[in-house]
PDB file of N, CA and C in Angstrom:
ATOM      1  N   MET A   1      11.390 -81.398   3.538  1.00  0.00           N
ATOM      2  CA  MET A   1      11.433 -83.118   2.848  1.00  0.00           C
ATOM      3  C   MET A   1      11.255 -83.376   4.715  1.00  0.00           C
ATOM      4  N   GLU A   2      10.655 -84.277   5.411  1.00  0.00           N
ATOM      5  CA  GLU A   2      10.790 -84.990   6.451  1.00  0.00           C
ATOM      6  C   GLU A   2      10.695 -86.867   6.310  1.00  0.00           C
ATOM      7  N   SER A   3      11.540 -87.513   7.360  1.00  0.00           N
ATOM      8  CA  SER A   3      10.995 -88.837   7.128  1.00  0.00           C
ATOM      9  C   SER A   3      11.494 -89.251   8.756  1.00  0.00           C
ATOM     10  N   ASN A   4      10.946 -90.326   8.837  1.00  0.00           N
ATOM     11  CA  ASN A   4      10.690 -91.046  10.425  1.00  0.00           C
ATOM     12  C   ASN A   4      12.458 -92.137  10.125  1.00  0.00           C
ATOM     13  N   THR A   5      12.697 -91.971  11.643  1.00  0.00           N
ATOM     14  CA  THR A   5      14.206 -92.576  11.875  1.00  0.00           C
ATOM     15  C   THR A   5      13.887 -94.212  12.309  1.00  0.00           C
ATOM     16  N   GLN A   6      14.276 -94.970  12.460  1.00  0.00           N
ATOM     17  CA  GLN A   6      13.716 -96.387  12.900  1.00  0.00           C
ATOM     18  C   GLN A   6      14.352 -96.149  14.372  1.00  0.00           C
ATOM     19  N   SER A   7      14.539 -95.030  14.868  1.00  0.00           N
ATOM     20  CA  SER A   7      15.677 -94.891  16.373  1.00  0.00           C
ATOM     21  C   SER A   7      14.514 -93.771  16.880  1.00  0.00           C
ATOM     22  N   SER A   8      13.856 -93.295  16.358  1.00  0.00           N
ATOM     23  CA  SER A   8      12.846 -92.372  16.512  1.00  0.00           C
ATOM     24  C   SER A   8      11.584 -92.232  16.020  1.00  0.00           C
ATOM     25  N   SER A   9      10.755 -91.850  16.783  1.00  0.00           N
ATOM     26  CA  SER A   9       9.434 -91.772  16.256  1.00  0.00           C
ATOM     27  C   SER A   9       8.851 -90.632  15.459  1.00  0.00           C
ATOM     28  N   THR A  10       9.975 -88.742  15.878  1.00  0.00           N
ATOM     29  CA  THR A  10       9.642 -87.969  15.435  1.00  0.00           C
ATOM     30  C   THR A  10      10.490 -87.513  14.201  1.00  0.00           C
ATOM     31  N   ALA A  11       9.676 -87.255  13.689  1.00  0.00           N
ATOM     32  CA  ALA A  11       9.828 -86.468  11.879  1.00  0.00           C
ATOM     33  C   ALA A  11      11.625 -85.852  12.332  1.00  0.00           C
ATOM     34  N   LYS A  12      12.698 -86.069  11.489  1.00  0.00           N
ATOM     35  CA  LYS A  12      13.505 -85.137  11.311  1.00  0.00           C
ATOM     36  C   LYS A  12      14.039 -84.463  10.116  1.00  0.00           C
ATOM     37  N   PRO A  13      15.061 -83.621  10.031  1.00  0.00           N
ATOM     38  CA  PRO A  13      15.183 -83.474   8.258  1.00  0.00           C
ATOM     39  C   PRO A  13      15.937 -84.308   7.596  1.00  0.00           C
ATOM     40  N   THR A  14      16.259 -84.475   6.752  1.00  0.00           N
ATOM     41  CA  THR A  14      16.643 -85.119   6.258  1.00  0.00           C
ATOM     42  C   THR A  14      18.238 -84.582   5.258  1.00  0.00           C
ATOM     43  N   THR A  15      18.054 -83.554   5.132  1.00  0.00           N
ATOM     44  CA  THR A  15      19.087 -82.590   4.762  1.00  0.00           C
ATOM     45  C   THR A  15      19.740 -82.038   6.015  1.00  0.00           C
ATOM     46  N   THR A  16      21.112 -81.795   5.820  1.00  0.00           N
ATOM     47  CA  THR A  16      21.815 -80.526   6.982  1.00  0.00           C
ATOM     48  C   THR A  16      22.066 -79.283   6.089  1.00  0.00           C
ATOM     49  N   ALA A  17      22.179 -78.410   6.924  1.00  0.00           N
ATOM     50  CA  ALA A  17      23.091 -76.663   6.138  1.00  0.00           C
ATOM     51  C   ALA A  17      23.911 -77.171   5.891  1.00  0.00           C
ATOM     52  N   THR A  18      24.341 -76.788   4.985  1.00  0.00           N
ATOM     53  CA  THR A  18      25.969 -77.189   4.538  1.00  0.00           C
ATOM     54  C   THR A  18      26.835 -75.386   5.522  1.00  0.00           C
ATOM     55  N   GLY A  19      27.970 -75.966   6.059  1.00  0.00           N
ATOM     56  CA  GLY A  19      28.569 -75.160   6.641  1.00  0.00           C
ATOM     57  C   GLY A  19      29.686 -74.096   6.594  1.00  0.00           C
ATOM     58  N   HIS A  20      29.320 -73.585   5.596  1.00  0.00           N
ATOM     59  CA  HIS A  20      30.030 -72.303   4.723  1.00  0.00           C
ATOM     60  C   HIS A  20      30.536 -71.574   5.937  1.00  0.00           C
ATOM     61  N   SER A  21      31.900 -71.025   5.611  1.00  0.00           N
ATOM     62  CA  SER A  21      32.323 -69.949   6.765  1.00  0.00           C
ATOM     63  C   SER A  21      31.770 -68.598   6.306  1.00  0.00           C
ATOM     64  N   PRO A  22      31.771 -67.936   7.354  1.00  0.00           N
ATOM     65  CA  PRO A  22      31.069 -66.134   6.916  1.00  0.00           C
ATOM     66  C   PRO A  22      32.773 -66.012   5.680  1.00  0.00           C
ATOM     67  N   ARG A  23      33.654 -66.102   5.929  1.00  0.00           N
ATOM     68  CA  ARG A  23      34.730 -65.562   4.858  1.00  0.00           C
ATOM     69  C   ARG A  23      34.785 -65.741   3.853  1.00  0.00           C
ATOM     70  N   LEU A  24      34.292 -67.585   3.218  1.00  0.00           N
ATOM     71  CA  LEU A  24      33.902 -67.605   2.097  1.00  0.00           C
ATOM     72  C   LEU A  24      32.684 -67.237   1.398  1.00  0.00           C
ATOM     73  N   LEU A  25      31.727 -66.897   2.068  1.00  0.00           N
ATOM     74  CA  LEU A  25      30.483 -65.961   1.371  1.00  0.00           C
ATOM     75  C   LEU A  25      31.042 -64.719   1.640  1.00  0.00           C
ATOM     76  N   ALA A  26      31.256 -64.045   2.463  1.00  0.00           N
ATOM     77  CA  ALA A  26      32.068 -62.584   2.060  1.00  0.00           C
ATOM     78  C   ALA A  26      32.854 -62.927   0.855  1.00  0.00           C
ATOM     79  N   ILE A  27      34.176 -63.636   0.107  1.00  0.00           N
ATOM     80  CA  ILE A  27      34.927 -63.198  -0.972  1.00  0.00           C
ATOM     81  C   ILE A  27      33.622 -63.753  -1.723  1.00  0.00           C
ATOM     82  N   GLY A  28      32.706 -64.721  -1.807  1.00  0.00           N
ATOM     83  CA  GLY A  28      31.596 -64.927  -2.784  1.00  0.00           C
ATOM     84  C   GLY A  28      31.293 -63.890  -3.235  1.00  0.00           C
ATOM     85  N   VAL A  29      30.584 -63.383  -2.573  1.00  0.00           N
ATOM     86  CA  VAL A  29      29.729 -61.987  -2.681  1.00  0.00           C
ATOM     87  C   VAL A  29      30.304 -61.003  -3.282  1.00  0.00           C
ATOM     88  N   ILE A  30      31.544 -60.819  -2.697  1.00  0.00           N
ATOM     89  CA  ILE A  30      32.660 -59.569  -3.126  1.00  0.00           C
ATOM     90  C   ILE A  30      33.339 -59.703  -4.355  1.00  0.00           C
ATOM     91  N   GLY A  31      33.456 -61.101  -4.871  1.00  0.00           N
ATOM     92  CA  GLY A  31      33.999 -61.764  -6.263  1.00  0.00           C
ATOM     93  C   GLY A  31      33.273 -61.326  -7.348  1.00  0.00           C
ATOM     94  N   ALA A  32      31.648 -61.477  -6.967  1.00  0.00           N
ATOM     95  CA  ALA A  32      30.388 -61.578  -7.868  1.00  0.00           C
ATOM     96  C   ALA A  32      30.325 -59.838  -7.769  1.00  0.00           C
ATOM     97  N   ALA A  33      30.264 -59.167  -6.785  1.00  0.00           N
ATOM     98  CA  ALA A  33      30.522 -57.689  -7.411  1.00  0.00           C
ATOM     99  C   ALA A  33      31.744 -57.120  -7.818  1.00  0.00           C
ATOM    100  N   LEU A  34      32.391 -57.755  -7.668  1.00  0.00           N
ATOM    101  CA  LEU A  34      33.782 -57.478  -8.504  1.00  0.00           C
ATOM    102  C   LEU A  34      33.502 -57.748 -10.175  1.00  0.00           C
ATOM    103  N   VAL A  35      33.095 -58.986 -10.216  1.00  0.00           N
ATOM    104  CA  VAL A  35      32.958 -58.658 -11.521  1.00  0.00           C
ATOM    105  C   VAL A  35      32.173 -58.497 -12.460  1.00  0.00           C
ATOM    106  N   ASP A  36      30.801 -58.033 -12.107  1.00  0.00           N
ATOM    107  CA  ASP A  36      29.788 -57.484 -12.133  1.00  0.00           C
ATOM    108  C   ASP A  36      30.322 -55.874 -12.483  1.00  0.00           C
ATOM    109  N   HIS A  37      31.118 -55.139 -11.509  1.00  0.00           N
ATOM    110  CA  HIS A  37      31.930 -54.074 -11.617  1.00  0.00           C
ATOM    111  C   HIS A  37      32.558 -54.107 -13.265  1.00  0.00           C
ATOM    112  N   GLN A  38      33.052 -54.565 -13.192  1.00  0.00           N
ATOM    113  CA  GLN A  38      34.477 -55.298 -13.981  1.00  0.00           C
ATOM    114  C   GLN A  38      33.264 -55.092 -15.529  1.00  0.00           C
ATOM    115  N   VAL A  39      32.444 -55.648 -15.514  1.00  0.00           N
ATOM    116  CA  VAL A  39      31.667 -55.749 -16.552  1.00  0.00           C
ATOM    117  C   VAL A  39      30.813 -54.515 -17.318  1.00  0.00           C
ATOM    118  N   HIS A  40      30.311 -53.830 -15.732  1.00  0.00           N
ATOM    119  CA  HIS A  40      29.212 -52.878 -16.293  1.00  0.00           C
ATOM    120  C   HIS A  40      29.519 -51.509 -15.903  1.00  0.00           C
ATOM    121  N   ARG A  41      30.608 -51.470 -15.040  1.00  0.00           N
ATOM    122  CA  ARG A  41      31.434 -49.613 -14.894  1.00  0.00           C
ATOM    123  C   ARG A  41      30.366 -49.161 -14.425  1.00  0.00           C
ATOM    124  N   SER A  42      29.702 -49.097 -13.735  1.00  0.00           N
ATOM    125  CA  SER A  42      28.261 -48.145 -13.875  1.00  0.00           C
ATOM    126  C   SER A  42      28.386 -47.925 -11.941  1.00  0.00           C
ATOM    127  N   ALA A  43      27.735 -46.734 -11.913  1.00  0.00           N
ATOM    128  CA  ALA A  43      27.573 -46.114  -9.999  1.00  0.00           C
ATOM    129  C   ALA A  43      27.144 -47.505  -9.148  1.00  0.00           C
ATOM    130  N   THR A  44      26.292 -47.606  -9.844  1.00  0.00           N
ATOM    131  CA  THR A  44      25.512 -48.912  -9.349  1.00  0.00           C
ATOM    132  C   THR A  44      26.129 -50.107  -8.869  1.00  0.00           C
ATOM    133  N   THR A  45      26.864 -50.773  -9.420  1.00  0.00           N
ATOM    134  CA  THR A  45      27.879 -51.263  -9.546  1.00  0.00           C
ATOM    135  C   THR A  45      28.702 -51.421  -8.215  1.00  0.00           C
ATOM    136  N   ARG A  46      29.348 -50.535  -8.339  1.00  0.00           N
ATOM    137  CA  ARG A  46      30.741 -49.192  -7.859  1.00  0.00           C
ATOM    138  C   ARG A  46      29.973 -49.555  -6.524  1.00  0.00           C
ATOM    139  N   ALA A  47      28.786 -49.222  -6.363  1.00  0.00           N
ATOM    140  CA  ALA A  47      28.291 -49.068  -4.815  1.00  0.00           C
ATOM    141  C   ALA A  47      28.075 -49.910  -4.280  1.00  0.00           C
ATOM    142  N   ARG A  48      27.309 -51.241  -4.999  1.00  0.00           N
ATOM    143  CA  ARG A  48      27.711 -52.660  -4.420  1.00  0.00           C
ATOM    144  C   ARG A  48      28.733 -53.326  -3.802  1.00  0.00           C
ATOM    145  N   LEU A  49      29.537 -53.069  -4.826  1.00  0.00           N
ATOM    146  CA  LEU A  49      31.017 -53.323  -4.473  1.00  0.00           C
ATOM    147  C   LEU A  49      31.779 -53.097  -3.476  1.00  0.00           C
ATOM    148  N   GLU A  50      31.506 -51.842  -3.317  1.00  0.00           N
ATOM    149  CA  GLU A  50      31.947 -50.769  -1.922  1.00  0.00           C
ATOM    150  C   GLU A  50      31.274 -51.500  -0.782  1.00  0.00           C
ATOM    151  N   GLY A  51      30.146 -51.015  -0.882  1.00  0.00           N
ATOM    152  CA  GLY A  51      29.182 -52.094   0.274  1.00  0.00           C
ATOM    153  C   GLY A  51      29.299 -53.405   1.100  1.00  0.00           C
ATOM    154  N   ALA A  52      29.590 -54.268  -0.506  1.00  0.00           N
ATOM    155  CA  ALA A  52      29.805 -55.880   0.349  1.00  0.00           C
ATOM    156  C   ALA A  52      31.131 -55.822   0.819  1.00  0.00           C
ATOM    157  N   ALA A  53      32.063 -54.798   0.407  1.00  0.00           N
ATOM    158  CA  ALA A  53      33.604 -54.921   0.973  1.00  0.00           C
ATOM    159  C   ALA A  53      33.494 -53.887   2.421  1.00  0.00           C
ATOM    160  N   ASP A  54      32.733 -53.306   2.296  1.00  0.00           N
ATOM    161  CA  ASP A  54      32.412 -52.284   3.614  1.00  0.00           C
ATOM    162  C   ASP A  54      32.240 -53.140   4.704  1.00  0.00           C
ATOM    163  N   MET A  55      31.069 -54.001   4.338  1.00  0.00           N
ATOM    164  CA  MET A  55      30.259 -54.856   5.347  1.00  0.00           C
ATOM    165  C   MET A  55      31.573 -55.557   5.762  1.00  0.00           C
ATOM    166  N   ALA A  56      31.600 -56.521   4.775  1.00  0.00           N
ATOM    167  CA  ALA A  56      32.717 -58.013   4.939  1.00  0.00           C
ATOM    168  C   ALA A  56      33.595 -57.050   6.223  1.00  0.00           C
ATOM    169  N   LYS A  57      34.241 -56.305   6.042  1.00  0.00           N
ATOM    170  CA  LYS A  57      35.095 -55.497   6.686  1.00  0.00           C
ATOM    171  C   LYS A  57      34.554 -55.259   8.052  1.00  0.00           C
ATOM    172  N   ARG A  58      33.628 -54.446   8.030  1.00  0.00           N
ATOM    173  CA  ARG A  58      33.036 -54.050   9.771  1.00  0.00           C
ATOM    174  C   ARG A  58      32.683 -55.501  10.643  1.00  0.00           C
ATOM    175  N   LEU A  59      32.411 -56.545   9.683  1.00  0.00           N
ATOM    176  CA  LEU A  59      32.194 -58.048  10.731  1.00  0.00           C
ATOM    177  C   LEU A  59      32.953 -58.654  10.696  1.00  0.00           C
ATOM    178  N   GLY A  60      34.342 -58.336  10.366  1.00  0.00           N
ATOM    179  CA  GLY A  60      35.681 -58.823  10.487  1.00  0.00           C
ATOM    180  C   GLY A  60      35.848 -60.159   9.687  1.00  0.00           C
ATOM    181  N   VAL A  61      35.296 -60.132   8.550  1.00  0.00           N
ATOM    182  CA  VAL A  61      35.834 -61.684   7.744  1.00  0.00           C
ATOM    183  C   VAL A  61      36.758 -60.865   6.626  1.00  0.00           C
ATOM    184  N   LEU A  62      36.886 -59.779   6.474  1.00  0.00           N
ATOM    185  CA  LEU A  62      37.628 -59.217   5.281  1.00  0.00           C
ATOM    186  C   LEU A  62      38.618 -58.198   6.146  1.00  0.00           C
ATOM    187  N   ASP A  63      39.869 -58.553   5.842  1.00  0.00           N
ATOM    188  CA  ASP A  63      40.781 -57.919   6.299  1.00  0.00           C
ATOM    189  C   ASP A  63      41.607 -56.799   5.958  1.00  0.00           C
ATOM    190  N   GLY A  64      42.064 -56.003   6.718  1.00  0.00           N
ATOM    191  CA  GLY A  64      42.911 -54.667   5.924  1.00  0.00           C
ATOM    192  C   GLY A  64      43.179 -54.516   5.055  1.00  0.00           C
ATOM    193  N   ALA A  65      44.363 -55.332   4.637  1.00  0.00           N
ATOM    194  CA  ALA A  65      45.081 -56.000   2.960  1.00  0.00           C
ATOM    195  C   ALA A  65      44.024 -56.433   1.863  1.00  0.00           C
ATOM    196  N   GLU A  66      42.758 -56.313   2.526  1.00  0.00           N
ATOM    197  CA  GLU A  66      41.930 -57.381   1.346  1.00  0.00           C
ATOM    198  C   GLU A  66      41.295 -56.039   0.560  1.00  0.00           C
ATOM    199  N   ALA A  67      40.494 -55.664   1.751  1.00  0.00           N
ATOM    200  CA  ALA A  67      39.960 -54.140   1.475  1.00  0.00           C
ATOM    201  C   ALA A  67      40.367 -53.136   0.504  1.00  0.00           C
ATOM    202  N   GLN A  68      41.747 -52.899   1.103  1.00  0.00           N
ATOM    203  CA  GLN A  68      42.576 -52.592   0.793  1.00  0.00           C
ATOM    204  C   GLN A  68      42.828 -52.655  -0.919  1.00  0.00           C
ATOM    205  N   LEU A  69      42.804 -54.095  -1.379  1.00  0.00           N
ATOM    206  CA  LEU A  69      43.075 -54.508  -2.529  1.00  0.00           C
ATOM    207  C   LEU A  69      41.532 -53.958  -3.196  1.00  0.00           C
ATOM    208  N   VAL A  70      40.888 -54.214  -2.756  1.00  0.00           N
ATOM    209  CA  VAL A  70      39.417 -53.452  -3.472  1.00  0.00           C
ATOM    210  C   VAL A  70      39.591 -52.448  -3.566  1.00  0.00           C
ATOM    211  N   ALA A  71      39.612 -51.154  -2.257  1.00  0.00           N
ATOM    212  CA  ALA A  71      40.017 -49.696  -2.932  1.00  0.00           C
ATOM    213  C   ALA A  71      41.044 -49.485  -3.774  1.00  0.00           C
ATOM    214  N   THR A  72      41.877 -50.258  -3.935  1.00  0.00           N
ATOM    215  CA  THR A  72      42.973 -49.827  -4.950  1.00  0.00           C
ATOM    216  C   THR A  72      42.729 -50.373  -6.544  1.00  0.00           C
ATOM    217  N   LEU A  73      41.492 -51.844  -6.576  1.00  0.00           N
ATOM    218  CA  LEU A  73      40.864 -52.077  -7.817  1.00  0.00           C
ATOM    219  C   LEU A  73      40.039 -50.465  -8.540  1.00  0.00           C
ATOM    220  N   LEU A  74      39.489 -50.557  -7.375  1.00  0.00           N
ATOM    221  CA  LEU A  74      38.251 -49.392  -7.845  1.00  0.00           C
ATOM    222  C   LEU A  74      39.375 -48.082  -8.175  1.00  0.00           C
ATOM    223  N   ALA A  75      39.830 -47.820  -7.494  1.00  0.00           N
ATOM    224  CA  ALA A  75      40.965 -46.462  -7.885  1.00  0.00           C
ATOM    225  C   ALA A  75      41.070 -46.364  -9.184  1.00  0.00           C
ATOM    226  N   ARG A  76      41.863 -47.958  -9.552  1.00  0.00           N
ATOM    227  CA  ARG A  76      42.487 -48.304 -10.906  1.00  0.00           C
ATOM    228  C   ARG A  76      41.166 -48.117 -12.248  1.00  0.00           C
ATOM    229  N   TYR A  77      39.709 -48.083 -11.511  1.00  0.00           N
ATOM    230  CA  TYR A  77      38.906 -48.365 -12.630  1.00  0.00           C
ATOM    231  C   TYR A  77      38.619 -46.857 -13.132  1.00  0.00           C
ATOM    232  N   GLU A  78      38.676 -46.084 -11.770  1.00  0.00           N
ATOM    233  CA  GLU A  78      38.544 -44.989 -11.929  1.00  0.00           C
ATOM    234  C   GLU A  78      39.513 -44.056 -12.203  1.00  0.00           C
ATOM    235  N   ALA A  79      40.710 -44.586 -12.731  1.00  0.00           N
ATOM    236  CA  ALA A  79      41.966 -43.621 -13.176  1.00  0.00           C
ATOM    237  C   ALA A  79      41.691 -44.301 -14.758  1.00  0.00           C
ATOM    238  N   GLY A  80      40.939 -45.356 -15.170  1.00  0.00           N
ATOM    239  CA  GLY A  80      40.798 -45.330 -16.522  1.00  0.00           C
ATOM    240  C   GLY A  80      41.889 -46.560 -16.836  1.00  0.00           C
ATOM    241  N   GLN A  81      42.051 -47.468 -16.214  1.00  0.00           N
ATOM    242  CA  GLN A  81      43.208 -48.395 -16.393  1.00  0.00           C
ATOM    243  C   GLN A  81      42.935 -49.621 -17.313  1.00  0.00           C
ATOM    244  N   PRO A  82      42.968 -49.831 -18.182  1.00  0.00           N
ATOM    245  CA  PRO A  82      42.899 -51.004 -19.005  1.00  0.00           C
ATOM    246  C   PRO A  82      42.352 -51.881 -18.171  1.00  0.00           C
ATOM    247  N   ARG A  83      41.395 -52.882 -18.350  1.00  0.00           N
ATOM    248  CA  ARG A  83      40.370 -53.860 -17.687  1.00  0.00           C
ATOM    249  C   ARG A  83      41.820 -54.695 -17.402  1.00  0.00           C
ATOM    250  N   GLY A  84      43.066 -55.159 -18.042  1.00  0.00           N
ATOM    251  CA  GLY A  84      43.734 -55.920 -17.815  1.00  0.00           C
ATOM    252  C   GLY A  84      45.327 -55.505 -16.798  1.00  0.00           C
ATOM    253  N   ALA A  85      44.712 -54.744 -16.306  1.00  0.00           N
ATOM    254  CA  ALA A  85      45.889 -53.958 -15.721  1.00  0.00           C
ATOM    255  C   ALA A  85      46.481 -54.984 -14.537  1.00  0.00           C
ATOM    256  N   PHE A  86      45.233 -55.667 -13.617  1.00  0.00           N
ATOM    257  CA  PHE A  86      45.755 -56.183 -12.553  1.00  0.00           C
ATOM    258  C   PHE A  86      46.073 -57.605 -12.805  1.00  0.00           C
ATOM    259  N   ALA A  87      46.997 -58.253 -12.514  1.00  0.00           N
ATOM    260  CA  ALA A  87      47.510 -59.667 -12.325  1.00  0.00           C
ATOM    261  C   ALA A  87      47.580 -60.045 -10.795  1.00  0.00           C
ATOM    262  N   PRO A  88      47.213 -61.575 -10.990  1.00  0.00           N
ATOM    263  CA  PRO A  88      47.089 -62.145  -9.687  1.00  0.00           C
ATOM    264  C   PRO A  88      48.314 -61.842  -9.241  1.00  0.00           C
ATOM    265  N   GLY A  89      49.055 -62.071  -7.836  1.00  0.00           N
ATOM    266  CA  GLY A  89      50.108 -61.808  -7.858  1.00  0.00           C
ATOM    267  C   GLY A  89      51.461 -60.969  -7.845  1.00  0.00           C
ATOM    268  N   THR A  90      50.939 -60.059  -8.408  1.00  0.00           N
ATOM    269  CA  THR A  90      51.569 -58.466  -8.769  1.00  0.00           C
ATOM    270  C   THR A  90      50.956 -57.563  -7.341  1.00  0.00           C
ATOM    271  N   GLN A  91      51.978 -56.493  -7.341  1.00  0.00           N
ATOM    272  CA  GLN A  91      51.849 -55.686  -6.147  1.00  0.00           C
ATOM    273  C   GLN A  91      50.587 -55.234  -6.717  1.00  0.00           C
ATOM    274  N   ALA A  92      49.575 -55.062  -5.660  1.00  0.00           N
ATOM    275  CA  ALA A  92      48.765 -54.182  -5.574  1.00  0.00           C
ATOM    276  C   ALA A  92      48.900 -52.680  -5.840  1.00  0.00           C
TER     277      ALA A  92
END
């Protein structure tokens, strides 16, 4: 959608791009992949979660501690620990 402004006869977009930070987007993608893996527990969802975390770490938007948290959660799933084994704020 474009409109003409009073100060200019050039058409300009009426909406602007939202400035979401790459870090927030990465956390959203990883969070969605984590929930998907918690629900389905398949090799595909695990690979998607590992890939998203690895890509975010390589791009520098996920630090080592956060990547380690994802790895720890995946190890717990692999070990068959109950779904409620992780509580936010506790030692991972």
